[in-house]
Protein backbone atom coordinates (compact mmCIF):
# COMPACT_ATOMS: atom_id res chain seq x y z
CA MET A 1 0.23 0.08 0.07
CA LYS A 2 3.01 2.28 0.53
CA LYS A 3 3.94 2.39 -2.91
CA PRO A 4 0.92 3.68 -4.82
CA TYR A 5 0.93 6.20 -1.97
CA ASN A 6 4.40 7.37 -2.34
CA LYS A 7 3.51 7.41 -6.40
CA LYS A 8 0.83 9.52 -5.88
CA LYS A 9 2.84 11.76 -3.52
CA ARG A 10 5.32 12.07 -6.03
CA ALA A 11 3.12 13.05 -8.69
CA ARG A 12 1.50 15.90 -6.70
CA VAL A 13 4.81 17.09 -5.72
CA LEU A 14 5.78 17.05 -9.36
CA LEU A 15 2.81 18.88 -10.55
CA VAL A 16 3.15 21.54 -7.76
CA ALA A 17 7.01 21.94 -8.86
CA ILE A 18 5.74 22.18 -12.41
CA LEU A 19 3.25 24.70 -11.83
CA LEU A 20 5.95 26.61 -9.48
CA ALA A 21 8.25 26.37 -12.49
CA ILE A 22 5.92 27.58 -14.91
CA ALA A 23 4.87 30.52 -12.80
CA VAL A 24 8.69 31.45 -12.07
CA CYS A 25 9.41 31.24 -15.66
CA ALA A 26 6.10 33.39 -16.85
CA GLY A 27 7.13 35.87 -14.25
CA ALA A 28 10.87 36.02 -15.39
CA LEU A 29 9.95 36.55 -18.89
CA ALA A 30 7.05 38.93 -18.32
CA CYS A 31 10.12 41.02 -16.49
CA PHE A 32 12.48 40.51 -19.29
CA ASN A 33 9.92 41.58 -21.81
CA ALA A 34 9.15 45.03 -19.70
CA THR A 35 12.81 45.49 -19.69
CA LEU A 36 13.17 44.94 -23.31
CA LYS A 37 10.28 47.45 -24.03
CA ARG A 38 12.07 50.12 -21.54
CA GLY A 39 15.56 49.67 -23.35
CA GLU A 40 14.23 49.68 -26.90
CA LYS A 41 12.16 52.71 -26.01
CA ASN A 42 15.11 54.41 -24.85
CA LYS A 43 17.53 53.53 -27.40
CA THR A 44 15.15 54.85 -30.09
CA ARG A 45 14.63 57.80 -28.31
CA GLU A 46 18.24 58.57 -28.11
CA SER A 47 18.77 57.72 -31.75
CA VAL A 48 15.90 59.91 -32.91
CA ALA A 49 17.37 62.95 -30.74
CA GLU A 50 20.94 62.25 -32.37
CA TRP A 51 19.28 62.19 -35.84
CA THR A 52 17.50 65.22 -35.31
CA GLN A 53 20.70 66.91 -34.12
CA GLN A 54 22.56 65.97 -37.33
CA ASN A 55 19.53 67.26 -39.52
CA ALA A 56 19.77 70.30 -37.81
CA ARG A 57 23.41 70.87 -38.64
CA LEU A 58 22.41 69.91 -42.22
CA LEU A 59 19.78 72.62 -42.09
CA GLN A 60 22.19 75.28 -40.75
CA TYR A 61 24.76 74.30 -43.40
CA LYS A 62 21.83 74.77 -46.24
CA MET A 63 20.84 77.90 -44.72
CA ASP A 64 24.42 79.33 -44.56
CA ARG A 65 24.87 78.49 -48.12
CA TYR A 66 21.58 80.64 -48.85
CA TYR A 67 22.40 83.32 -47.07
CA ASP A 68 26.18 83.58 -48.59
CA THR A 69 24.54 83.80 -51.88
CA LEU A 70 22.86 86.90 -50.75
CA GLU A 71 25.56 88.37 -48.98
CA ASN A 72 27.47 87.84 -52.30
CA VAL A 73 24.43 89.60 -54.14
CA ALA A 74 24.81 92.70 -51.40
CA ARG A 75 28.48 92.95 -52.39
CA SER A 76 28.23 93.03 -55.73
CA VAL A 77 25.53 96.12 -55.65
CA GLN A 78 27.54 97.71 -52.86
CA ASN A 79 28.39 100.92 -55.10
CA LEU A 80 24.78 101.28 -56.76
CA PRO A 81 21.85 102.91 -56.08
CA MET A 82 19.16 100.65 -54.20
CA ASN A 83 15.89 101.60 -55.99
CA SER A 84 17.21 101.46 -59.51
CA GLN A 85 15.92 99.20 -62.16
CA GLU A 86 19.85 98.93 -63.47
CA THR A 87 20.57 97.59 -60.17
CA GLN A 88 17.76 94.95 -60.03
CA LYS A 89 18.64 93.82 -63.65
CA LYS A 90 22.23 93.82 -62.75
CA ILE A 91 21.16 91.26 -60.14
CA GLY A 92 19.08 89.14 -62.33
CA ARG A 93 22.01 88.76 -64.87
CA ASN A 94 24.43 87.84 -62.24
CA PHE A 95 22.53 85.96 -60.00
CA PRO A 96 20.17 83.63 -62.27
CA THR A 97 17.38 81.93 -60.37
CA GLU A 98 18.68 78.26 -61.72
CA ASP A 99 21.97 78.69 -60.32
CA THR A 100 21.06 80.28 -56.88
CA HIS A 101 17.77 78.23 -56.18
CA PHE A 102 15.88 81.73 -55.08
CA ILE A 103 12.39 82.20 -56.62
CA CYS A 104 13.55 85.75 -56.99
CA ILE A 105 16.24 88.20 -55.45
CA ARG A 106 15.21 92.06 -54.89
CA ALA A 107 17.09 94.82 -54.05
CA LEU A 108 15.29 97.18 -51.20
CA ASP A 109 16.15 100.64 -50.20
CA LEU A 110 16.11 102.32 -46.89
CA GLU A 111 12.23 102.97 -47.23
CA GLY A 112 11.66 98.94 -48.29
CA LYS A 113 10.88 99.80 -51.92
CA ASN A 114 11.91 98.08 -54.98
CA PRO A 115 11.81 99.59 -58.59
CA GLU A 116 9.67 97.12 -59.78
CA PHE A 117 6.89 97.09 -57.12
CA THR A 118 4.64 100.02 -55.74
CA GLY A 119 4.64 98.83 -52.32
CA SER A 120 7.06 98.59 -49.64
CA TRP A 121 8.36 96.08 -47.51
CA LYS A 122 9.76 98.44 -44.04
CA ASP A 123 7.02 97.02 -42.01
CA GLN A 124 8.48 93.38 -42.50
CA GLN A 125 10.28 92.13 -39.58
CA TYR A 126 12.95 90.33 -41.60
CA PHE A 127 13.45 93.72 -43.33
CA LYS A 128 14.08 95.40 -39.73
CA ASP A 129 16.18 93.04 -38.55
CA SER A 130 18.50 93.25 -41.59
CA LEU A 131 18.32 97.25 -41.61
CA ALA A 132 19.88 96.55 -38.01
CA GLY A 133 22.68 94.44 -39.29
CA ASN A 134 21.32 90.99 -38.98
CA ARG A 135 20.13 88.00 -41.18
CA GLY A 136 16.47 88.10 -41.58
CA ILE A 137 14.03 85.50 -42.13
CA GLY A 138 10.00 85.55 -42.46
CA LYS A 139 6.97 84.64 -44.68
CA ASN A 140 6.63 85.55 -48.33
CA GLY A 141 2.94 87.25 -47.52
CA SER A 142 0.64 85.48 -44.50
CA THR A 143 1.75 82.36 -44.81
CA TYR A 144 5.02 80.23 -45.63
CA LYS A 145 3.08 78.31 -48.62
CA SER A 146 4.03 81.12 -50.81
CA GLY A 147 7.67 81.26 -49.69
CA VAL A 148 10.29 81.56 -47.35
CA VAL A 149 12.08 85.27 -47.23
CA LEU A 150 15.62 85.33 -46.34
CA SER A 151 17.38 88.85 -46.13
CA VAL A 152 20.77 90.57 -45.68
CA PRO A 153 22.15 94.01 -45.08
CA VAL A 154 23.89 96.07 -47.89
CA TYR A 155 26.91 98.20 -46.73
CA ASP A 156 27.94 101.28 -48.72
CA ASN A 157 31.99 102.05 -48.67
CA SER A 158 31.52 103.82 -44.92
CA ASP A 159 30.14 100.52 -43.28
CA GLN A 160 26.36 101.93 -42.97
CA VAL A 161 23.60 99.98 -44.02
CA LYS A 162 22.15 101.77 -47.38
CA GLY A 163 19.31 98.80 -48.05
CA VAL A 164 18.46 94.93 -47.75
CA ILE A 165 18.67 92.19 -49.89
CA CYS A 166 15.81 89.99 -50.20
CA GLY A 167 15.55 86.56 -51.58
CA VAL A 168 12.25 84.32 -51.69
CA LEU A 169 12.77 80.57 -51.56
CA SER A 170 9.93 77.63 -52.06
CA PRO A 171 9.56 75.98 -48.40
CA ASP A 172 10.93 72.79 -50.23
CA SER A 173 14.12 74.34 -50.34
CA LEU A 174 14.51 73.79 -46.63
CA ASN A 175 13.70 70.21 -47.12
CA ILE A 176 16.71 68.24 -45.84
CA PHE A 177 14.55 64.77 -45.86
CA THR A 178 14.09 62.44 -48.97
CA ASP A 179 11.11 60.08 -49.47
CA SER A 180 13.16 57.22 -49.11
CA GLU A 181 14.82 58.23 -45.78
CA GLU A 182 10.94 59.03 -44.42
CA ALA A 183 9.86 55.51 -45.82
CA MET A 184 12.67 53.91 -44.15
CA GLU A 185 12.82 55.45 -40.79
CA ARG A 186 9.26 55.81 -40.55
CA ARG A 187 9.54 59.49 -38.79
CA ASP A 188 7.38 62.55 -39.36
CA LEU A 189 10.10 65.50 -40.08
CA TYR A 190 9.23 69.21 -39.87
CA VAL A 191 10.92 72.66 -40.08
CA THR A 192 9.14 75.22 -37.98
CA ASP A 193 10.26 78.86 -37.54
CA LYS A 194 10.97 80.20 -33.99
CA ASP A 195 7.42 80.34 -33.18
CA GLY A 196 6.46 76.94 -34.31
CA THR A 197 4.88 77.74 -37.48
CA TYR A 198 5.46 74.89 -40.25
CA ILE A 199 7.66 75.73 -43.12
CA VAL A 200 8.25 72.09 -44.18
CA LYS A 201 5.86 69.54 -42.80
CA GLN A 202 4.00 65.88 -43.65
CA ASP A 203 0.50 66.32 -43.33
CA TYR A 204 -0.25 63.21 -41.25
CA GLU A 205 -3.32 62.96 -38.98
CA GLY A 206 -2.01 64.33 -35.93
CA VAL A 207 -1.08 67.84 -37.54
CA SER A 208 -4.39 69.63 -38.03
CA GLY A 209 -3.14 73.40 -38.11
CA ASP A 210 -0.11 75.54 -39.24
CA ASN A 211 1.56 75.69 -35.82
CA LEU A 212 3.39 72.95 -33.92
CA TYR A 213 2.66 74.51 -30.14
CA THR A 214 -0.86 74.99 -31.13
CA ASP A 215 -1.17 71.28 -32.30
CA LEU A 216 0.91 70.38 -28.89
CA SER A 217 -1.38 72.45 -26.62
CA GLY A 218 -4.58 70.03 -27.01
CA ARG A 219 -2.21 66.84 -25.94
CA GLU A 220 -1.05 65.44 -22.26
CA LEU A 221 2.75 66.33 -22.76
CA SER A 222 5.27 64.52 -20.41
CA VAL A 223 7.15 68.02 -20.37
CA LYS A 224 5.25 71.19 -20.07
CA LEU A 225 4.25 73.12 -23.08
CA GLU A 226 5.98 76.44 -21.79
CA ASN A 227 9.13 74.47 -20.80
CA ILE A 228 9.52 73.13 -24.12
CA ARG A 229 9.40 76.69 -25.76
CA PHE A 230 11.76 78.31 -23.26
CA ARG A 231 14.01 75.24 -23.83
CA VAL A 232 14.07 75.45 -27.60
CA SER A 233 14.44 79.14 -27.28
CA GLN A 234 17.82 78.79 -25.30
CA ASN A 235 19.03 76.50 -27.86
CA MET A 236 18.59 73.20 -25.93
CA LYS A 237 17.93 69.74 -27.31
CA VAL A 238 14.19 68.69 -26.09
CA CYS A 239 12.72 65.26 -26.14
CA PHE A 240 8.90 64.56 -24.96
CA SER A 241 6.18 62.33 -25.32
CA ALA A 242 2.78 62.99 -26.42
CA ALA A 243 -0.12 60.94 -25.00
CA LYS A 244 -2.65 59.16 -26.85
CA THR A 245 -5.96 61.29 -28.02
CA GLU A 246 -9.42 60.25 -29.22
CA ASP A 247 -8.34 61.45 -32.98
CA ASP A 248 -4.65 60.44 -32.72
CA VAL A 249 -2.11 57.87 -31.31
CA ALA A 250 0.80 58.41 -28.74
CA ARG A 251 3.89 59.94 -30.26
CA GLU A 252 7.38 60.66 -29.53
CA TYR A 253 9.04 64.21 -30.30
CA ALA A 254 12.33 65.59 -30.57
CA ILE A 255 13.26 69.45 -31.44
CA VAL A 256 16.43 70.90 -32.16
CA GLN A 257 17.46 74.48 -32.98
CA ALA A 258 19.02 75.27 -36.26
CA ASN A 259 20.52 78.76 -37.47
CA GLY A 260 20.61 80.76 -34.15
CA GLN A 261 17.13 81.39 -32.92
CA LYS A 262 15.28 81.13 -36.25
CA LEU A 263 14.56 77.68 -37.61
CA ASN A 264 13.62 74.46 -35.48
CA VAL A 265 13.90 70.77 -36.88
CA VAL A 266 11.30 68.27 -35.20
CA THR A 267 10.99 64.66 -35.67
CA VAL A 268 7.79 62.82 -34.76
CA MET A 269 7.90 59.29 -34.28
CA LYS A 270 4.58 56.90 -33.12
CA GLU A 271 5.06 55.11 -29.96
CA LYS A 272 3.99 51.76 -31.48
CA THR A 273 7.04 52.29 -33.96
CA VAL A 274 9.22 53.07 -31.03
CA LEU A 275 7.92 49.93 -29.25
CA GLU A 276 8.08 47.90 -32.86
CA THR A 277 11.19 46.08 -32.26
CA SER A 278 10.43 44.85 -28.54
CA THR A 279 6.84 43.67 -30.08
CA TYR A 280 8.98 41.61 -32.91
CA TYR A 281 10.83 39.81 -30.04
CA GLN A 282 7.74 39.08 -28.11
CA LYS A 283 6.41 36.65 -30.65
CA TYR A 284 9.50 34.78 -29.68
CA LEU A 285 8.74 34.97 -25.95
CA TYR A 286 5.27 33.67 -26.20
CA LEU A 287 6.49 30.89 -28.51
CA LEU A 288 8.99 29.95 -25.82
CA ILE A 289 6.23 29.96 -23.40
CA PHE A 290 4.10 27.63 -25.12
CA GLN A 291 6.91 25.25 -25.95
CA LEU A 292 8.28 25.24 -22.34
CA ILE A 293 4.76 24.33 -21.24
CA MET A 294 4.13 21.58 -23.57
CA ALA A 295 7.62 19.87 -22.63
CA VAL A 296 6.86 19.91 -18.89
CA LEU A 297 3.32 18.30 -19.42
CA VAL A 298 4.88 15.56 -21.50
CA VAL A 299 7.58 14.35 -19.50
CA VAL A 300 9.92 15.68 -17.05
CA TRP A 301 13.21 14.89 -18.57
CA ILE A 302 12.15 16.60 -21.59
CA TYR A 303 10.92 19.65 -19.72
CA LEU A 304 14.57 19.63 -18.19
CA ARG A 305 16.17 19.21 -21.73
CA MET A 306 13.91 22.17 -22.81
CA ILE A 307 15.18 24.20 -19.80
CA ARG A 308 18.73 23.88 -20.96
CA ASP A 309 17.94 24.97 -24.61
CA ASP A 310 15.94 27.82 -23.21
CA ARG A 311 18.95 29.14 -21.03
CA ILE A 312 21.29 28.65 -24.54
CA TYR A 313 18.31 30.44 -26.41
CA ILE A 314 17.91 33.32 -23.85
CA LYS A 315 21.74 33.73 -24.02
CA ASN A 316 22.02 34.16 -27.74
CA LEU A 317 18.77 36.29 -27.52
CA ASN A 318 20.67 38.69 -25.07
CA LYS A 319 23.38 38.91 -27.56
CA ARG A 320 21.30 39.76 -30.24
CA LEU A 321 19.80 42.61 -28.18
CA GLU A 322 22.76 44.09 -27.27
CA LEU A 323 23.80 44.16 -30.98
CA SER A 324 23.26 47.88 -31.74
CA GLU A 325 21.14 48.64 -35.18
CA GLU A 326 21.57 52.66 -34.85
CA THR A 327 21.99 54.26 -38.03
CA TYR A 328 25.48 56.51 -38.00
CA ARG A 329 24.74 59.79 -39.29
CA VAL A 330 27.55 62.62 -39.95
CA THR A 331 26.97 65.69 -41.36
CA ALA A 332 29.65 66.96 -43.88
CA ARG A 333 32.17 69.26 -42.29
CA ASN A 334 32.53 71.53 -45.36
CA ASN A 335 31.65 71.31 -48.95
CA ASP A 336 34.73 69.05 -49.87
CA VAL A 337 33.80 65.93 -47.51
CA CYS A 338 31.79 63.10 -48.94
CA ILE A 339 30.32 60.94 -46.26
CA PHE A 340 29.37 57.06 -46.39
CA THR A 341 28.32 54.10 -44.65
CA TYR A 342 29.24 50.56 -45.31
CA ASP A 343 26.90 47.59 -44.20
CA VAL A 344 29.20 44.53 -43.90
CA GLU A 345 26.34 42.49 -43.88
CA THR A 346 24.51 43.22 -47.17
CA GLY A 347 27.71 44.62 -48.77
CA LEU A 348 25.89 47.94 -49.64
CA ILE A 349 27.70 51.18 -49.51
CA GLN A 350 25.67 54.52 -49.03
CA PHE A 351 26.80 57.92 -49.64
CA LEU A 352 24.88 60.53 -47.16
CA ASN A 353 25.38 63.50 -49.08
CA GLU A 354 25.70 64.85 -52.99
CA LYS A 355 29.45 64.83 -53.06
CA TYR A 356 29.89 61.29 -54.47
CA LYS A 357 28.94 62.75 -57.84
CA GLU A 358 32.27 64.88 -57.81
CA LEU A 359 33.96 61.55 -57.52
CA GLY A 360 32.67 60.42 -60.57
CA LEU A 361 29.85 58.00 -59.10
CA GLY A 362 26.49 58.12 -60.38
CA GLN A 363 24.66 56.49 -57.46
CA ALA A 364 23.78 57.10 -53.86
CA GLN A 365 23.91 53.47 -52.90
CA LEU A 366 25.71 50.80 -54.73
CA SER A 367 27.44 47.34 -53.99
CA ILE A 368 31.04 46.60 -53.50
CA PRO A 369 31.41 44.93 -57.10
CA VAL A 370 29.36 47.88 -58.60
CA LEU A 371 31.43 50.31 -56.81
CA MET A 372 34.74 48.62 -58.00
CA LYS A 373 33.44 48.69 -61.76
CA LYS A 374 32.79 52.49 -61.38
CA ILE A 375 36.04 53.11 -59.99
CA GLN A 376 37.83 50.78 -62.89
CA GLU A 377 36.32 53.30 -65.63
CA ILE A 378 37.45 56.41 -63.52
CA ASN A 379 40.73 55.27 -62.46
CA PRO A 380 41.76 51.69 -62.50
CA SER A 381 44.83 52.02 -60.16
CA THR A 382 42.27 53.37 -57.18
CA CYS A 383 40.87 49.87 -57.24
CA ALA A 384 44.19 48.73 -55.15
CA GLU A 385 43.39 51.75 -52.73
CA ILE A 386 39.76 50.95 -52.19
CA GLU A 387 40.75 47.10 -51.17
CA VAL A 388 42.98 48.58 -48.88
CA ILE A 389 40.50 50.56 -47.13
CA LEU A 390 38.37 47.53 -47.10
CA LYS A 391 40.61 45.30 -45.72
CA SER A 392 40.35 46.99 -42.31
CA VAL A 393 36.90 45.48 -41.61
CA ASP A 394 39.08 42.05 -42.13
CA ASP A 395 41.63 43.43 -39.76
CA LYS A 396 39.15 44.53 -37.35
CA LEU A 397 40.64 48.08 -36.94
CA PRO A 398 38.78 50.39 -34.96
CA ASN A 399 39.88 53.40 -36.77
CA PHE A 400 41.64 53.61 -40.11
CA GLU A 401 43.34 56.69 -42.20
CA HIS A 402 44.45 56.47 -45.94
CA LYS A 403 45.50 58.94 -48.52
CA PHE A 404 45.55 57.77 -52.15
CA VAL A 405 44.91 59.83 -55.71
CA LEU A 406 41.77 59.72 -57.78
CA TRP A 407 41.58 61.09 -61.68
CA SER A 408 38.26 62.69 -61.89
CA GLY A 409 36.69 65.56 -63.90
CA GLY A 410 40.04 66.00 -65.74
CA ARG A 411 42.39 66.32 -62.75
CA LYS A 412 44.22 64.57 -60.18
CA ARG A 413 42.49 64.64 -56.91
CA TYR A 414 44.23 63.85 -53.84
CA LEU A 415 41.74 62.23 -51.15
CA HIS A 416 42.11 61.64 -47.77
CA VAL A 417 39.68 58.64 -45.92
CA LEU A 418 38.75 58.42 -42.50
CA THR A 419 36.80 55.50 -41.37
CA THR A 420 35.37 54.22 -37.95
CA ASN A 421 34.21 50.50 -37.46
CA ILE A 422 31.45 49.63 -35.53
CA PHE A 423 31.74 46.37 -33.89
CA ASP A 424 28.85 43.68 -32.43
CA ASN A 425 29.15 42.19 -29.40
CA MET A 426 30.69 39.09 -30.97
CA GLY A 427 33.86 41.15 -32.13
CA LYS A 428 32.62 41.38 -35.71
CA VAL A 429 32.43 44.61 -37.47
CA ALA A 430 28.92 45.27 -38.39
CA ARG A 431 29.18 48.73 -40.11
CA MET A 432 31.90 51.13 -41.36
CA VAL A 433 31.27 54.89 -41.23
CA GLY A 434 33.52 57.18 -43.21
CA SER A 435 34.36 60.64 -44.67
CA ILE A 436 36.46 61.32 -47.97
CA GLU A 437 37.78 64.64 -48.02
CA ASP A 438 39.38 66.22 -51.16
CA ILE A 439 42.90 67.80 -49.92
CA THR A 440 44.00 68.68 -53.57
CA THR A 441 45.85 71.95 -53.43
CA ASN A 442 44.01 74.71 -55.70
CA GLU A 443 45.10 73.87 -59.10
CA SER A 444 42.02 74.80 -61.17
CA ASP A 445 41.24 78.29 -63.08
CA PRO A 446 38.99 80.42 -60.82
CA LEU A 447 36.92 81.60 -63.96
CA THR A 448 36.30 78.45 -65.61
CA GLY A 449 37.09 75.57 -63.29
CA VAL A 450 39.31 73.31 -65.53
CA LEU A 451 43.17 73.00 -64.67
CA ARG A 452 45.66 75.92 -64.94
CA ARG A 453 48.38 75.66 -67.48
CA ALA A 454 51.26 74.24 -65.05
CA ALA A 455 48.83 71.44 -63.36
CA GLY A 456 47.61 70.58 -66.73
CA ILE A 457 50.93 70.17 -68.20
CA GLU A 458 52.03 68.23 -65.22
CA GLN A 459 49.08 65.95 -65.53
CA ILE A 460 49.53 65.13 -69.29
CA GLU A 461 53.24 64.48 -68.79
CA GLN A 462 52.22 62.04 -66.06
CA ILE A 463 49.92 60.07 -68.47
CA LEU A 464 52.17 60.23 -71.52
CA LEU A 465 54.70 57.83 -69.44
CA THR A 466 52.16 55.10 -70.31
CA SER A 467 51.38 53.99 -73.98
CA PRO A 468 47.66 53.66 -75.08
CA GLY A 469 46.18 50.29 -75.45
CA VAL A 470 45.90 48.22 -78.75
CA GLY A 471 43.75 50.15 -81.09
CA ARG A 472 44.00 53.23 -79.07
CA VAL A 473 45.40 56.52 -78.95
CA HIS A 474 46.25 59.65 -76.99
CA ALA A 475 44.43 62.79 -78.73
CA PHE A 476 46.31 65.87 -77.77
CA MET A 477 43.93 69.14 -78.81
CA ILE A 478 44.36 72.75 -78.84
CA ALA A 479 41.15 74.75 -79.00
CA ASP A 480 41.33 78.49 -79.97
CA LEU A 481 38.24 80.56 -79.91
CA ASP A 482 37.42 82.60 -83.01
CA ASN A 483 35.89 85.94 -83.15
CA PHE A 484 36.81 85.99 -79.20
CA LYS A 485 38.34 89.71 -79.15
CA SER A 486 35.18 90.88 -81.17
CA LEU A 487 33.02 89.49 -78.54
CA ASN A 488 35.22 91.47 -75.73
CA ASP A 489 35.30 94.82 -77.88
CA LYS A 490 31.52 94.73 -78.90
CA LEU A 491 29.75 93.56 -75.69
CA GLY A 492 32.35 93.97 -73.04
CA HIS A 493 34.54 91.54 -70.99
CA MET A 494 31.72 90.17 -68.87
CA TRP A 495 30.36 88.44 -71.78
CA GLY A 496 33.67 87.05 -72.88
CA ASP A 497 33.98 85.83 -69.18
CA ARG A 498 30.65 84.04 -69.61
CA ALA A 499 31.86 82.61 -73.15
CA LEU A 500 34.81 81.05 -71.47
CA GLN A 501 32.72 79.39 -68.86
CA ASP A 502 30.19 77.98 -71.32
CA VAL A 503 33.19 76.44 -73.25
CA ALA A 504 34.74 75.17 -70.41
CA LYS A 505 31.23 73.61 -69.26
CA ILE A 506 30.73 71.93 -72.94
CA MET A 507 34.25 70.52 -73.12
CA LYS A 508 33.68 69.03 -69.19
CA ASN A 509 30.31 67.58 -70.40
CA ASP A 510 31.48 66.39 -73.51
CA CYS A 511 35.01 64.73 -71.77
CA ARG A 512 35.34 61.65 -69.54
CA PRO A 513 36.25 61.99 -65.95
CA ARG A 514 40.01 60.78 -66.64
CA ASP A 515 40.56 63.04 -69.47
CA VAL A 516 42.27 66.43 -68.84
CA ILE A 517 41.24 69.89 -69.66
CA CYS A 518 43.28 72.95 -69.19
CA ARG A 519 43.36 76.54 -69.89
CA LEU A 520 46.94 77.89 -71.29
CA GLY A 521 45.39 81.53 -71.25
CA GLY A 522 43.21 83.91 -72.60
CA ASP A 523 40.87 82.06 -75.09
CA GLU A 524 43.03 78.94 -75.73
CA PHE A 525 42.17 75.49 -74.29
CA VAL A 526 44.13 72.01 -74.21
CA LEU A 527 42.31 68.84 -74.28
CA PHE A 528 44.13 65.43 -73.58
CA LEU A 529 41.83 62.46 -74.25
CA GLN A 530 43.76 59.31 -72.91
CA ASN A 531 43.62 56.00 -74.07
CA LEU A 532 40.56 56.57 -76.45
CA PRO A 533 39.74 54.22 -79.39
CA GLU A 534 41.04 56.05 -82.73
CA ARG A 535 37.71 55.57 -84.24
CA GLU A 536 35.93 57.53 -82.09
CA VAL A 537 38.68 60.69 -81.88
CA GLU A 538 37.04 61.96 -85.33
CA SER A 539 33.41 62.05 -84.17
CA PHE A 540 34.47 63.58 -80.79
CA ALA A 541 35.80 66.27 -82.45
CA GLU A 542 33.19 66.78 -84.91
CA GLY A 543 30.41 66.81 -81.95
CA LEU A 544 32.58 69.45 -79.73
CA SER A 545 33.22 71.66 -82.90
CA ARG A 546 29.39 71.92 -83.48
CA ARG A 547 28.70 72.44 -79.60
CA LEU A 548 31.20 75.35 -79.62
CA HIS A 549 29.41 77.44 -82.25
CA LEU A 550 27.95 79.89 -79.75
CA THR A 551 25.93 83.25 -80.15
CA TYR A 552 25.92 86.12 -77.60
CA SER A 553 23.58 89.24 -77.52
CA ASP A 554 22.94 92.08 -75.28
CA GLY A 555 19.72 93.09 -77.08
CA SER A 556 21.19 95.72 -79.58
CA GLN A 557 23.67 93.62 -81.13
CA SER A 558 24.85 89.96 -81.07
CA VAL A 559 28.48 88.35 -81.75
CA SER A 560 28.80 84.34 -82.56
CA ILE A 561 32.03 82.54 -81.84
CA THR A 562 33.29 79.15 -82.85
CA ALA A 563 36.66 77.11 -82.17
CA SER A 564 39.27 76.06 -84.23
CA MET A 565 40.95 72.91 -83.30
CA GLY A 566 44.35 71.15 -84.08
CA ILE A 567 44.59 67.62 -83.01
CA ILE A 568 47.51 65.10 -82.93
CA LEU A 569 47.06 61.48 -82.12
CA ALA A 570 49.87 59.89 -80.19
CA GLY A 571 50.33 56.37 -79.63
CA ARG A 572 54.04 56.18 -78.05
CA SER A 573 55.06 56.73 -74.36
CA GLU A 574 58.19 58.86 -75.05
CA THR A 575 56.20 61.61 -76.52
CA SER A 576 56.29 65.02 -74.58
CA PHE A 577 53.98 67.71 -74.19
CA GLN A 578 56.03 70.45 -75.94
CA GLU A 579 56.21 67.92 -78.94
CA LEU A 580 52.67 67.50 -79.36
CA TYR A 581 51.84 71.24 -78.51
CA ALA A 582 54.22 72.47 -81.34
CA ARG A 583 52.66 69.50 -83.95
CA ALA A 584 48.88 70.33 -82.82
CA ASP A 585 49.65 74.33 -83.04
CA LYS A 586 50.79 73.81 -86.60
CA GLU A 587 47.36 72.01 -87.26
CA LEU A 588 45.91 74.78 -85.66
CA TYR A 589 47.37 77.52 -87.90
CA GLU A 590 46.30 75.43 -90.76
CA VAL A 591 42.76 75.32 -89.59
CA LYS A 592 42.95 79.05 -89.02
CA ARG A 593 44.56 79.96 -92.36
CA THR A 594 42.11 77.79 -94.54
CA GLY A 595 38.92 78.59 -92.64
CA LYS A 596 38.10 78.97 -88.83
CA GLY A 597 35.37 77.02 -86.66
CA THR A 598 36.62 73.55 -87.76
CA TRP A 599 39.20 71.15 -86.68
CA HIS A 600 42.17 69.10 -88.34
CA ILE A 601 43.74 65.76 -87.39
CA LYS A 602 47.08 64.50 -87.74
CA GLU A 603 48.64 61.29 -86.17
C-alpha cells in the first residue's frame, strides 16, 4: 500500500513543482519583456534625438549657403543705387534663379521699396532685422506656402547700411529629408520657425493646423509646453512624449534648434514604431512559453532538456539584443567632404550627401562589385586603394586613415579617407562609417573651373609615361576661340568671361572623368583624351566643334564665336607635352588659315 501512496505523493509534488516552475518562468519572461520594452524605447529615443541634431546641422549648413549667396549679391551692388531698375537687372543677370535656387532676389532701399513694385516692405520684421545689420527670415506674405524670405544688409563704403537684399525660397528648398529616408525611418519630419509655424511638414493625421505648439497644446505632454518653448528658445535639445488622444495615437517628439534662434528641426515618431522592435521579440517569447509548458507536461526529462535549450536560447537572444542597429549619421564638415556608410552584412555602400557625384559616381547606394566597376572606369589604379580601405574590416581596426590619388573630372585629386568600424558583441565589424575629403591644392582656373596651365601640363606629362592600349591613342587637342576679341570689344569683357565659362562647361560635359582639360591662357584650351579608341576621335571632334558654335546678344547687337582645333594622335609613351603642342599648333594654324570654326587631325 506504500508504493501507490508514494507515487501519488510524488505526482502531486511534481505537479506543484511544474506549476511553480511555470509561474517563475512566466514571471521572469514578463520582467524580461518589460525590460526589453524600456531598453528599446530609450535606445530609439536617443537615436531619434541624435538624428534630429544631425539634421539641424545639415539645415544650418544649407541656410548658411543661401545667406552666403545673398551676401555675395549685397557686395556686388555695394556701389549701386538700391532703388534702380539697372541694379535689379544686374542682380538678375549675375545671379540667375537656376544657379541660386531662389525664386527671386530683390534689392530694397532704406524705405523698403523696389523699383519693380509700388509697395513697401519696411514693416516686415525680416527687413527691420537686416536694417539692424542682422540676417533676417520671414514669410512671403501671410503664410510660408508662398515662400520663405531671407534677407541680409547692404553696406556702403563707410560700413553704413544702405539697403537690404531679400531672396524668396520655396518651402521645399529647406526640406533636408528624402522620401526614401522617410519610408525607411518611418518618421514624420518638420522644419518650423522660432514661433513654431510649420515651414516644411508632412500632413499626417496628428497635424491639424499650421503651428507645432498649437497642435501640442491640446495634448497631454510629458514636459510642460511652456518649458518646451523656453528650452527651444535657449538652443537646448528637447525630447518628450505626447499621450494618445481620441483622434491620434501616442507619439514621441524631438526638437533641435538650427540657425541661431530662427529655425527648428522636429522629428515625430509613433510610440507604436518605438516599441516595434520589442514587439517583434515578443512573438518569440510567447512561442518559448508555449514550448516550455508543452514540454514539462509530456515528461520531466523533456522539460529539463527544454530548460537547458531555453537557457542557451536566452543567452543568444541577449547577444542579439546588445547588437546595436542605430544608424550612424555624420554631417559634412565642409563642402569637400563626402560621407558614406558600409553595411558589412549586405555589402552595400551608401553616400549620405551629394559629394559622391564629384568622384564620378552616379549612384547614392551601390554594392562593392558595382563600386569597383565604377572606379575601374574612372581610374583603374584606385581599385587597389579601395581594397586597402575595405581590408580594415577584415583586420578589425577601430579607426583607419588612408590617403590616395584619384583621377576625376579631368584632374588629379588627392583624397583623405577616415573610417570608423562599429563592432557587434561577437567582436565582428557590423558597419563602417567614413568620410572622404578632397585635400588637393588649388590647381583650377578660378573663372572656368578647369586646370591651370602648370597643373594641366604636369598631369599630361604623367599620362604620357604610359602608352595607350591596342587600337587606342592619346588625342592631344588645342582649341582656340574664333572672334573672341570681337565679343569682348562689342559686348564687353563680362560676356567674354561668360563665353569662356560656357566653353569650359561644354568641354567638361563631352570629356570623360579621366580626360584632362586645361586653360593655357586667354581663349586657348588644351584637351587631352587618354587611351581613346582611334575611331572615336573624329566623331568626338566633330561633336565638340558643333557644340562650340555659340552666339551672344545684349539685345542691341549679337556676336557669334566658334572654335578652331588642331589635333594630334599620339601612340608612343616617349612623346612629350612640348612636342605634341608644337605639332598640334601647326595643325591649328592650318585651320585658321584655310577656314575657322573647324578642326584638323594628324597622327
